[in-house]
PDB file of all heavy atoms in Angstrom:
ATOM      1  N   ILE A   1      10.623  32.357  -0.204  1.00  0.00           N
ATOM      2  CA  ILE A   1      10.280  32.863  -1.512  1.00  0.00           C
ATOM      3  C   ILE A   1       8.768  32.683  -1.897  1.00  0.00           C
ATOM      4  O   ILE A   1       8.416  32.942  -2.992  1.00  0.00           O
ATOM      5  CB  ILE A   1      11.195  32.292  -2.648  1.00  0.00           C
ATOM      6  CG1 ILE A   1      10.939  30.765  -2.825  1.00  0.00           C
ATOM      7  CG2 ILE A   1      12.542  32.585  -2.325  1.00  0.00           C
ATOM      8  CD1 ILE A   1      11.518  30.289  -4.083  1.00  0.00           C
ATOM      9  N   SER A   2       7.978  32.151  -0.979  1.00  0.00           N
ATOM     10  CA  SER A   2       6.618  31.769  -1.261  1.00  0.00           C
ATOM     11  C   SER A   2       5.734  32.895  -1.583  1.00  0.00           C
ATOM     12  O   SER A   2       4.682  32.701  -2.383  1.00  0.00           O
ATOM     13  CB  SER A   2       6.005  30.926  -0.168  1.00  0.00           C
ATOM     14  OG  SER A   2       5.847  31.701   0.998  1.00  0.00           O
ATOM     15  N   LYS A   3       6.014  34.095  -1.175  1.00  0.00           N
ATOM     16  CA  LYS A   3       5.147  35.208  -1.473  1.00  0.00           C
ATOM     17  C   LYS A   3       5.385  35.786  -2.933  1.00  0.00           C
ATOM     18  O   LYS A   3       4.506  36.227  -3.549  1.00  0.00           O
ATOM     19  CB  LYS A   3       5.408  36.342  -0.445  1.00  0.00           C
ATOM     20  CG  LYS A   3       4.923  35.885   0.912  1.00  0.00           C
ATOM     21  CD  LYS A   3       4.620  36.950   1.917  1.00  0.00           C
ATOM     22  CE  LYS A   3       4.375  36.212   3.209  1.00  0.00           C
ATOM     23  NZ  LYS A   3       3.507  36.819   3.971  1.00  0.00           N
ATOM     24  N   ARG A   4       6.725  35.678  -3.305  1.00  0.00           N
ATOM     25  CA  ARG A   4       6.946  36.135  -4.634  1.00  0.00           C
ATOM     26  C   ARG A   4       6.785  35.058  -5.783  1.00  0.00           C
ATOM     27  O   ARG A   4       6.316  35.357  -6.801  1.00  0.00           O
ATOM     28  CB  ARG A   4       8.428  36.601  -4.727  1.00  0.00           C
ATOM     29  CG  ARG A   4       8.632  37.983  -4.024  1.00  0.00           C
ATOM     30  CD  ARG A   4      10.015  38.331  -4.022  1.00  0.00           C
ATOM     31  NE  ARG A   4      10.756  37.484  -3.033  1.00  0.00           N
ATOM     32  CZ  ARG A   4      12.016  37.059  -3.188  1.00  0.00           C
ATOM     33  NH1 ARG A   4      12.748  37.411  -4.198  1.00  0.00           N
ATOM     34  NH2 ARG A   4      12.533  36.328  -2.260  1.00  0.00           N
ATOM     35  N   ARG A   5       7.102  33.868  -5.474  1.00  0.00           N
ATOM     36  CA  ARG A   5       7.059  32.828  -6.420  1.00  0.00           C
ATOM     37  C   ARG A   5       6.375  31.584  -5.769  1.00  0.00           C
ATOM     38  O   ARG A   5       7.122  30.614  -5.341  1.00  0.00           O
ATOM     39  CB  ARG A   5       8.418  32.348  -6.920  1.00  0.00           C
ATOM     40  CG  ARG A   5       9.117  33.531  -7.679  1.00  0.00           C
ATOM     41  CD  ARG A   5      10.381  33.023  -8.267  1.00  0.00           C
ATOM     42  NE  ARG A   5      11.071  34.088  -8.961  1.00  0.00           N
ATOM     43  CZ  ARG A   5      10.936  34.388 -10.201  1.00  0.00           C
ATOM     44  NH1 ARG A   5      10.122  33.659 -10.882  1.00  0.00           N
ATOM     45  NH2 ARG A   5      11.654  35.402 -10.770  1.00  0.00           N
ATOM     46  N   PRO A   6       5.120  31.541  -5.654  1.00  0.00           N
ATOM     47  CA  PRO A   6       4.404  30.438  -4.922  1.00  0.00           C
ATOM     48  C   PRO A   6       4.521  29.117  -5.614  1.00  0.00           C
ATOM     49  O   PRO A   6       4.693  27.996  -4.969  1.00  0.00           O
ATOM     50  CB  PRO A   6       2.960  30.836  -4.899  1.00  0.00           C
ATOM     51  CG  PRO A   6       2.848  31.918  -5.909  1.00  0.00           C
ATOM     52  CD  PRO A   6       4.064  32.536  -6.048  1.00  0.00           C
ATOM     53  N   ARG A   7       4.535  29.048  -6.896  1.00  0.00           N
ATOM     54  CA  ARG A   7       4.731  27.783  -7.654  1.00  0.00           C
ATOM     55  C   ARG A   7       6.025  27.130  -7.418  1.00  0.00           C
ATOM     56  O   ARG A   7       6.159  25.888  -7.167  1.00  0.00           O
ATOM     57  CB  ARG A   7       4.349  27.897  -9.129  1.00  0.00           C
ATOM     58  CG  ARG A   7       2.884  27.961  -9.443  1.00  0.00           C
ATOM     59  CD  ARG A   7       2.599  27.962 -10.832  1.00  0.00           C
ATOM     60  NE  ARG A   7       1.191  27.832 -11.225  1.00  0.00           N
ATOM     61  CZ  ARG A   7       0.236  28.634 -10.948  1.00  0.00           C
ATOM     62  NH1 ARG A   7       0.563  29.785 -10.228  1.00  0.00           N
ATOM     63  NH2 ARG A   7      -0.994  28.499 -11.391  1.00  0.00           N
ATOM     64  N   THR A   8       6.999  27.928  -7.541  1.00  0.00           N
ATOM     65  CA  THR A   8       8.394  27.491  -7.269  1.00  0.00           C
ATOM     66  C   THR A   8       8.580  26.991  -5.846  1.00  0.00           C
ATOM     67  O   THR A   8       9.176  25.968  -5.633  1.00  0.00           O
ATOM     68  CB  THR A   8       9.466  28.583  -7.587  1.00  0.00           C
ATOM     69  OG1 THR A   8       9.228  29.018  -8.837  1.00  0.00           O
ATOM     70  CG2 THR A   8      10.866  28.075  -7.449  1.00  0.00           C
ATOM     71  N   ALA A   9       7.995  27.717  -4.874  1.00  0.00           N
ATOM     72  CA  ALA A   9       8.110  27.351  -3.534  1.00  0.00           C
ATOM     73  C   ALA A   9       7.311  26.029  -3.303  1.00  0.00           C
ATOM     74  O   ALA A   9       7.794  25.207  -2.500  1.00  0.00           O
ATOM     75  CB  ALA A   9       7.505  28.459  -2.678  1.00  0.00           C
ATOM     76  N   GLY A  10       6.187  25.881  -4.014  1.00  0.00           N
ATOM     77  CA  GLY A  10       5.465  24.657  -3.875  1.00  0.00           C
ATOM     78  C   GLY A  10       6.261  23.474  -4.334  1.00  0.00           C
ATOM     79  O   GLY A  10       6.188  22.355  -3.743  1.00  0.00           O
ATOM     80  N   ILE A  11       6.923  23.622  -5.502  1.00  0.00           N
ATOM     81  CA  ILE A  11       7.783  22.535  -6.072  1.00  0.00           C
ATOM     82  C   ILE A  11       8.890  22.249  -5.053  1.00  0.00           C
ATOM     83  O   ILE A  11       9.205  21.005  -4.800  1.00  0.00           O
ATOM     84  CB  ILE A  11       8.293  22.887  -7.436  1.00  0.00           C
ATOM     85  CG1 ILE A  11       7.111  22.974  -8.404  1.00  0.00           C
ATOM     86  CG2 ILE A  11       9.337  21.940  -7.921  1.00  0.00           C
ATOM     87  CD1 ILE A  11       7.436  23.502  -9.723  1.00  0.00           C
ATOM     88  N   PHE A  12       9.505  23.280  -4.450  1.00  0.00           N
ATOM     89  CA  PHE A  12      10.569  22.996  -3.482  1.00  0.00           C
ATOM     90  C   PHE A  12      10.034  22.223  -2.362  1.00  0.00           C
ATOM     91  O   PHE A  12      10.731  21.306  -1.800  1.00  0.00           O
ATOM     92  CB  PHE A  12      11.078  24.316  -2.934  1.00  0.00           C
ATOM     93  CG  PHE A  12      12.114  25.048  -3.934  1.00  0.00           C
ATOM     94  CD1 PHE A  12      12.543  26.264  -3.592  1.00  0.00           C
ATOM     95  CD2 PHE A  12      12.456  24.423  -5.107  1.00  0.00           C
ATOM     96  CE1 PHE A  12      13.413  26.915  -4.524  1.00  0.00           C
ATOM     97  CE2 PHE A  12      13.355  25.116  -5.944  1.00  0.00           C
ATOM     98  CZ  PHE A  12      13.935  26.382  -5.659  1.00  0.00           C
ATOM     99  N   HIS A  13       8.780  22.479  -1.896  1.00  0.00           N
ATOM    100  CA  HIS A  13       8.213  21.829  -0.745  1.00  0.00           C
ATOM    101  C   HIS A  13       7.924  20.369  -1.121  1.00  0.00           C
ATOM    102  O   HIS A  13       8.206  19.447  -0.257  1.00  0.00           O
ATOM    103  CB  HIS A  13       6.970  22.464  -0.220  1.00  0.00           C
ATOM    104  CG  HIS A  13       7.291  23.774   0.419  1.00  0.00           C
ATOM    105  ND1 HIS A  13       6.292  24.732   0.724  1.00  0.00           N
ATOM    106  CD2 HIS A  13       8.450  24.338   0.906  1.00  0.00           C
ATOM    107  CE1 HIS A  13       6.869  25.781   1.304  1.00  0.00           C
ATOM    108  NE2 HIS A  13       8.180  25.510   1.427  1.00  0.00           N
ATOM    109  N   PHE A  14       7.436  20.147  -2.273  1.00  0.00           N
ATOM    110  CA  PHE A  14       7.208  18.715  -2.754  1.00  0.00           C
ATOM    111  C   PHE A  14       8.482  17.943  -2.816  1.00  0.00           C
ATOM    112  O   PHE A  14       8.607  16.766  -2.319  1.00  0.00           O
ATOM    113  CB  PHE A  14       6.555  18.643  -4.146  1.00  0.00           C
ATOM    114  CG  PHE A  14       5.057  18.851  -4.104  1.00  0.00           C
ATOM    115  CD1 PHE A  14       4.503  19.749  -5.044  1.00  0.00           C
ATOM    116  CD2 PHE A  14       4.249  18.180  -3.189  1.00  0.00           C
ATOM    117  CE1 PHE A  14       3.142  19.916  -5.014  1.00  0.00           C
ATOM    118  CE2 PHE A  14       2.895  18.374  -3.290  1.00  0.00           C
ATOM    119  CZ  PHE A  14       2.347  19.248  -4.120  1.00  0.00           C
ATOM    120  N   VAL A  15       9.565  18.539  -3.363  1.00  0.00           N
ATOM    121  CA  VAL A  15      10.815  17.908  -3.446  1.00  0.00           C
ATOM    122  C   VAL A  15      11.408  17.569  -2.010  1.00  0.00           C
ATOM    123  O   VAL A  15      11.915  16.468  -1.731  1.00  0.00           O
ATOM    124  CB  VAL A  15      11.878  18.696  -4.243  1.00  0.00           C
ATOM    125  CG1 VAL A  15      13.265  18.213  -4.151  1.00  0.00           C
ATOM    126  CG2 VAL A  15      11.441  18.806  -5.737  1.00  0.00           C
ATOM    127  N   ALA A  16      11.259  18.537  -1.150  1.00  0.00           N
ATOM    128  CA  ALA A  16      11.820  18.389   0.270  1.00  0.00           C
ATOM    129  C   ALA A  16      11.047  17.304   0.945  1.00  0.00           C
ATOM    130  O   ALA A  16      11.618  16.429   1.689  1.00  0.00           O
ATOM    131  CB  ALA A  16      11.709  19.697   0.990  1.00  0.00           C
ATOM    132  N   ALA A  17       9.742  17.175   0.751  1.00  0.00           N
ATOM    133  CA  ALA A  17       8.919  16.109   1.347  1.00  0.00           C
ATOM    134  C   ALA A  17       9.313  14.711   0.881  1.00  0.00           C
ATOM    135  O   ALA A  17       9.551  13.878   1.706  1.00  0.00           O
ATOM    136  CB  ALA A  17       7.438  16.411   1.137  1.00  0.00           C
ATOM    137  N   VAL A  18       9.469  14.589  -0.391  1.00  0.00           N
ATOM    138  CA  VAL A  18       9.775  13.269  -0.959  1.00  0.00           C
ATOM    139  C   VAL A  18      11.170  12.833  -0.595  1.00  0.00           C
ATOM    140  O   VAL A  18      11.450  11.719  -0.174  1.00  0.00           O
ATOM    141  CB  VAL A  18       9.546  13.314  -2.499  1.00  0.00           C
ATOM    142  CG1 VAL A  18      10.135  12.040  -3.208  1.00  0.00           C
ATOM    143  CG2 VAL A  18       8.080  13.501  -2.849  1.00  0.00           C
ATOM    144  N   VAL A  19      12.139  13.712  -0.782  1.00  0.00           N
ATOM    145  CA  VAL A  19      13.478  13.319  -0.528  1.00  0.00           C
ATOM    146  C   VAL A  19      13.704  13.158   0.954  1.00  0.00           C
ATOM    147  O   VAL A  19      14.468  12.256   1.443  1.00  0.00           O
ATOM    148  CB  VAL A  19      14.529  14.436  -0.998  1.00  0.00           C
ATOM    149  CG1 VAL A  19      15.894  14.250  -0.600  1.00  0.00           C
ATOM    150  CG2 VAL A  19      14.396  14.451  -2.571  1.00  0.00           C
ATOM    151  N   GLY A  20      13.070  13.958   1.755  1.00  0.00           N
ATOM    152  CA  GLY A  20      13.156  13.726   3.285  1.00  0.00           C
ATOM    153  C   GLY A  20      12.610  12.411   3.733  1.00  0.00           C
ATOM    154  O   GLY A  20      13.249  11.731   4.575  1.00  0.00           O
ATOM    155  N   VAL A  21      11.553  11.992   3.231  1.00  0.00           N
ATOM    156  CA  VAL A  21      10.974  10.620   3.467  1.00  0.00           C
ATOM    157  C   VAL A  21      11.897   9.546   2.960  1.00  0.00           C
ATOM    158  O   VAL A  21      12.116   8.589   3.715  1.00  0.00           O
ATOM    159  CB  VAL A  21       9.549  10.472   2.912  1.00  0.00           C
ATOM    160  CG1 VAL A  21       9.078   9.115   2.981  1.00  0.00           C
ATOM    161  CG2 VAL A  21       8.593  11.404   3.692  1.00  0.00           C
ATOM    162  N   ILE A  22      12.457   9.701   1.804  1.00  0.00           N
ATOM    163  CA  ILE A  22      13.449   8.707   1.305  1.00  0.00           C
ATOM    164  C   ILE A  22      14.722   8.700   2.146  1.00  0.00           C
ATOM    165  O   ILE A  22      15.221   7.721   2.521  1.00  0.00           O
ATOM    166  CB  ILE A  22      13.873   9.036  -0.151  1.00  0.00           C
ATOM    167  CG1 ILE A  22      12.641   8.779  -1.065  1.00  0.00           C
ATOM    168  CG2 ILE A  22      15.063   8.270  -0.575  1.00  0.00           C
ATOM    169  CD1 ILE A  22      12.832   9.257  -2.444  1.00  0.00           C
ATOM    170  N   GLY A  23      15.082   9.958   2.656  1.00  0.00           N
ATOM    171  CA  GLY A  23      16.331   9.972   3.416  1.00  0.00           C
ATOM    172  C   GLY A  23      16.250   9.360   4.836  1.00  0.00           C
ATOM    173  O   GLY A  23      17.120   8.590   5.243  1.00  0.00           O
ATOM    174  N   ILE A  24      15.216   9.703   5.581  1.00  0.00           N
ATOM    175  CA  ILE A  24      15.138   9.233   6.994  1.00  0.00           C
ATOM    176  C   ILE A  24      13.866   8.569   7.295  1.00  0.00           C
ATOM    177  O   ILE A  24      13.420   8.348   8.413  1.00  0.00           O
ATOM    178  CB  ILE A  24      15.472  10.330   7.993  1.00  0.00           C
ATOM    179  CG1 ILE A  24      14.604  11.558   7.875  1.00  0.00           C
ATOM    180  CG2 ILE A  24      16.922  10.620   7.949  1.00  0.00           C
ATOM    181  CD1 ILE A  24      14.818  12.545   8.925  1.00  0.00           C
ATOM    182  N   SER A  25      13.068   8.256   6.252  1.00  0.00           N
ATOM    183  CA  SER A  25      11.861   7.415   6.421  1.00  0.00           C
ATOM    184  C   SER A  25      10.793   8.044   7.318  1.00  0.00           C
ATOM    185  O   SER A  25      10.404   9.111   7.196  1.00  0.00           O
ATOM    186  CB  SER A  25      12.211   6.038   6.869  1.00  0.00           C
ATOM    187  OG  SER A  25      11.316   5.070   6.455  1.00  0.00           O
ATOM    188  N   MET A  26      10.391   7.287   8.363  1.00  0.00           N
ATOM    189  CA  MET A  26       9.333   7.736   9.200  1.00  0.00           C
ATOM    190  C   MET A  26       9.672   8.867  10.171  1.00  0.00           C
ATOM    191  O   MET A  26       8.828   9.564  10.727  1.00  0.00           O
ATOM    192  CB  MET A  26       8.778   6.569  10.032  1.00  0.00           C
ATOM    193  CG  MET A  26       8.100   5.515   9.250  1.00  0.00           C
ATOM    194  SD  MET A  26       6.784   6.111   8.153  1.00  0.00           S
ATOM    195  CE  MET A  26       5.523   6.509   9.327  1.00  0.00           C
ATOM    196  N   PHE A  27      10.898   9.215  10.360  1.00  0.00           N
ATOM    197  CA  PHE A  27      11.299  10.380  11.043  1.00  0.00           C
ATOM    198  C   PHE A  27      10.759  11.612  10.480  1.00  0.00           C
ATOM    199  O   PHE A  27      10.585  12.650  11.117  1.00  0.00           O
ATOM    200  CB  PHE A  27      12.803  10.511  11.235  1.00  0.00           C
ATOM    201  CG  PHE A  27      13.425   9.671  12.362  1.00  0.00           C
ATOM    202  CD1 PHE A  27      14.125   8.549  12.065  1.00  0.00           C
ATOM    203  CD2 PHE A  27      13.211  10.065  13.673  1.00  0.00           C
ATOM    204  CE1 PHE A  27      14.679   7.824  13.109  1.00  0.00           C
ATOM    205  CE2 PHE A  27      13.789   9.260  14.719  1.00  0.00           C
ATOM    206  CZ  PHE A  27      14.465   8.212  14.446  1.00  0.00           C
ATOM    207  N   TYR A  28      10.638  11.650   9.105  1.00  0.00           N
ATOM    208  CA  TYR A  28      10.281  12.834   8.405  1.00  0.00           C
ATOM    209  C   TYR A  28       8.747  12.846   8.069  1.00  0.00           C
ATOM    210  O   TYR A  28       8.348  13.522   7.209  1.00  0.00           O
ATOM    211  CB  TYR A  28      11.018  12.828   7.025  1.00  0.00           C
ATOM    212  CG  TYR A  28      11.393  14.243   6.631  1.00  0.00           C
ATOM    213  CD1 TYR A  28      12.493  15.022   7.136  1.00  0.00           C
ATOM    214  CD2 TYR A  28      10.668  14.860   5.594  1.00  0.00           C
ATOM    215  CE1 TYR A  28      12.717  16.272   6.766  1.00  0.00           C
ATOM    216  CE2 TYR A  28      10.976  16.153   5.140  1.00  0.00           C
ATOM    217  CZ  TYR A  28      11.994  16.802   5.754  1.00  0.00           C
ATOM    218  OH  TYR A  28      12.313  18.039   5.277  1.00  0.00           O
ATOM    219  N   PHE A  29       7.962  11.983   8.675  1.00  0.00           N
ATOM    220  CA  PHE A  29       6.542  11.862   8.376  1.00  0.00           C
ATOM    221  C   PHE A  29       5.751  13.128   8.619  1.00  0.00           C
ATOM    222  O   PHE A  29       4.967  13.589   7.730  1.00  0.00           O
ATOM    223  CB  PHE A  29       5.926  10.689   9.089  1.00  0.00           C
ATOM    224  CG  PHE A  29       4.482  10.417   8.737  1.00  0.00           C
ATOM    225  CD1 PHE A  29       4.153   9.908   7.474  1.00  0.00           C
ATOM    226  CD2 PHE A  29       3.501  10.687   9.714  1.00  0.00           C
ATOM    227  CE1 PHE A  29       2.918   9.691   7.184  1.00  0.00           C
ATOM    228  CE2 PHE A  29       2.175  10.412   9.420  1.00  0.00           C
ATOM    229  CZ  PHE A  29       1.886   9.867   8.083  1.00  0.00           C
ATOM    230  N   ILE A  30       5.855  13.690   9.763  1.00  0.00           N
ATOM    231  CA  ILE A  30       5.080  14.921  10.152  1.00  0.00           C
ATOM    232  C   ILE A  30       5.570  16.184   9.258  1.00  0.00           C
ATOM    233  O   ILE A  30       4.708  16.827   8.690  1.00  0.00           O
ATOM    234  CB  ILE A  30       5.239  15.277  11.595  1.00  0.00           C
ATOM    235  CG1 ILE A  30       4.531  14.156  12.433  1.00  0.00           C
ATOM    236  CG2 ILE A  30       4.600  16.619  11.920  1.00  0.00           C
ATOM    237  CD1 ILE A  30       4.693  14.231  13.896  1.00  0.00           C
ATOM    238  N   PRO A  31       6.852  16.397   9.134  1.00  0.00           N
ATOM    239  CA  PRO A  31       7.305  17.459   8.241  1.00  0.00           C
ATOM    240  C   PRO A  31       6.856  17.203   6.734  1.00  0.00           C
ATOM    241  O   PRO A  31       6.429  18.176   6.083  1.00  0.00           O
ATOM    242  CB  PRO A  31       8.810  17.503   8.272  1.00  0.00           C
ATOM    243  CG  PRO A  31       9.128  16.805   9.563  1.00  0.00           C
ATOM    244  CD  PRO A  31       7.990  15.839   9.826  1.00  0.00           C
ATOM    245  N   ALA A  32       6.794  15.923   6.326  1.00  0.00           N
ATOM    246  CA  ALA A  32       6.395  15.675   4.984  1.00  0.00           C
ATOM    247  C   ALA A  32       4.984  16.011   4.774  1.00  0.00           C
ATOM    248  O   ALA A  32       4.583  16.564   3.711  1.00  0.00           O
ATOM    249  CB  ALA A  32       6.644  14.204   4.625  1.00  0.00           C
ATOM    250  N   ILE A  33       4.103  15.730   5.720  1.00  0.00           N
ATOM    251  CA  ILE A  33       2.613  16.093   5.570  1.00  0.00           C
ATOM    252  C   ILE A  33       2.494  17.622   5.429  1.00  0.00           C
ATOM    253  O   ILE A  33       1.823  18.121   4.647  1.00  0.00           O
ATOM    254  CB  ILE A  33       1.851  15.524   6.745  1.00  0.00           C
ATOM    255  CG1 ILE A  33       1.788  13.967   6.640  1.00  0.00           C
ATOM    256  CG2 ILE A  33       0.458  16.152   6.782  1.00  0.00           C
ATOM    257  CD1 ILE A  33       1.191  13.330   7.845  1.00  0.00           C
ATOM    258  N   LEU A  34       3.285  18.284   6.323  1.00  0.00           N
ATOM    259  CA  LEU A  34       3.120  19.767   6.312  1.00  0.00           C
ATOM    260  C   LEU A  34       3.646  20.322   4.978  1.00  0.00           C
ATOM    261  O   LEU A  34       3.058  21.297   4.418  1.00  0.00           O
ATOM    262  CB  LEU A  34       3.893  20.405   7.501  1.00  0.00           C
ATOM    263  CG  LEU A  34       3.319  20.163   8.853  1.00  0.00           C
ATOM    264  CD1 LEU A  34       4.263  20.557   9.953  1.00  0.00           C
ATOM    265  CD2 LEU A  34       2.004  20.848   9.022  1.00  0.00           C
ATOM    266  N   LEU A  35       4.720  19.775   4.497  1.00  0.00           N
ATOM    267  CA  LEU A  35       5.358  20.242   3.284  1.00  0.00           C
ATOM    268  C   LEU A  35       4.493  19.960   2.020  1.00  0.00           C
ATOM    269  O   LEU A  35       4.454  20.743   1.086  1.00  0.00           O
ATOM    270  CB  LEU A  35       6.721  19.783   3.111  1.00  0.00           C
ATOM    271  CG  LEU A  35       7.784  20.360   4.111  1.00  0.00           C
ATOM    272  CD1 LEU A  35       9.111  19.638   3.944  1.00  0.00           C
ATOM    273  CD2 LEU A  35       7.985  21.799   3.847  1.00  0.00           C
ATOM    274  N   ILE A  36       3.842  18.782   2.050  1.00  0.00           N
ATOM    275  CA  ILE A  36       2.912  18.435   0.954  1.00  0.00           C
ATOM    276  C   ILE A  36       1.701  19.364   0.967  1.00  0.00           C
ATOM    277  O   ILE A  36       1.318  19.848  -0.171  1.00  0.00           O
ATOM    278  CB  ILE A  36       2.514  16.916   1.060  1.00  0.00           C
ATOM    279  CG1 ILE A  36       3.770  16.049   0.661  1.00  0.00           C
ATOM    280  CG2 ILE A  36       1.379  16.556   0.144  1.00  0.00           C
ATOM    281  CD1 ILE A  36       3.502  14.532   0.928  1.00  0.00           C
ATOM    282  N   VAL A  37       1.124  19.626   2.122  1.00  0.00           N
ATOM    283  CA  VAL A  37       0.018  20.576   2.215  1.00  0.00           C
ATOM    284  C   VAL A  37       0.464  21.963   1.694  1.00  0.00           C
ATOM    285  O   VAL A  37      -0.209  22.518   0.788  1.00  0.00           O
ATOM    286  CB  VAL A  37      -0.531  20.674   3.591  1.00  0.00           C
ATOM    287  CG1 VAL A  37      -1.375  21.842   3.743  1.00  0.00           C
ATOM    288  CG2 VAL A  37      -1.188  19.364   3.939  1.00  0.00           C
ATOM    289  N   SER A  38       1.621  22.405   2.127  1.00  0.00           N
ATOM    290  CA  SER A  38       2.132  23.688   1.635  1.00  0.00           C
ATOM    291  C   SER A  38       2.437  23.628   0.188  1.00  0.00           C
ATOM    292  O   SER A  38       2.233  24.720  -0.579  1.00  0.00           O
ATOM    293  CB  SER A  38       3.368  24.014   2.419  1.00  0.00           C
ATOM    294  OG  SER A  38       3.888  25.254   1.983  1.00  0.00           O
ATOM    295  N   GLY A  39       2.980  22.539  -0.358  1.00  0.00           N
ATOM    296  CA  GLY A  39       3.248  22.412  -1.748  1.00  0.00           C
ATOM    297  C   GLY A  39       1.965  22.522  -2.589  1.00  0.00           C
ATOM    298  O   GLY A  39       1.985  23.186  -3.674  1.00  0.00           O
ATOM    299  N   PHE A  40       0.918  21.844  -2.189  1.00  0.00           N
ATOM    300  CA  PHE A  40      -0.329  21.928  -2.837  1.00  0.00           C
ATOM    301  C   PHE A  40      -0.775  23.376  -2.887  1.00  0.00           C
ATOM    302  O   PHE A  40      -1.440  23.899  -3.893  1.00  0.00           O
ATOM    303  CB  PHE A  40      -1.403  21.043  -2.309  1.00  0.00           C
ATOM    304  CG  PHE A  40      -1.314  19.601  -2.912  1.00  0.00           C
ATOM    305  CD1 PHE A  40      -1.155  18.547  -2.143  1.00  0.00           C
ATOM    306  CD2 PHE A  40      -1.497  19.372  -4.246  1.00  0.00           C
ATOM    307  CE1 PHE A  40      -1.074  17.249  -2.595  1.00  0.00           C
ATOM    308  CE2 PHE A  40      -1.428  18.144  -4.841  1.00  0.00           C
ATOM    309  CZ  PHE A  40      -1.163  17.061  -3.937  1.00  0.00           C
ATOM    310  N   MET A  41      -0.742  24.062  -1.731  1.00  0.00           N
ATOM    311  CA  MET A  41      -1.235  25.385  -1.573  1.00  0.00           C
ATOM    312  C   MET A  41      -0.433  26.341  -2.633  1.00  0.00           C
ATOM    313  O   MET A  41      -1.008  27.207  -3.259  1.00  0.00           O
ATOM    314  CB  MET A  41      -1.019  25.906  -0.189  1.00  0.00           C
ATOM    315  CG  MET A  41      -1.926  25.256   0.783  1.00  0.00           C
ATOM    316  SD  MET A  41      -1.581  25.707   2.526  1.00  0.00           S
ATOM    317  CE  MET A  41      -1.721  27.417   2.547  1.00  0.00           C
TER     318      MET A  41
END
């Protein structure tokens, strides 16, 4: 949905990054970095 609603998609990416790191810790480090960058974008 990032092309139609970029702010909503960014919030989804932030939530996914934070909850993923909480869920499985360092296993989610690389995806969290990508999702945080995408969330800021």
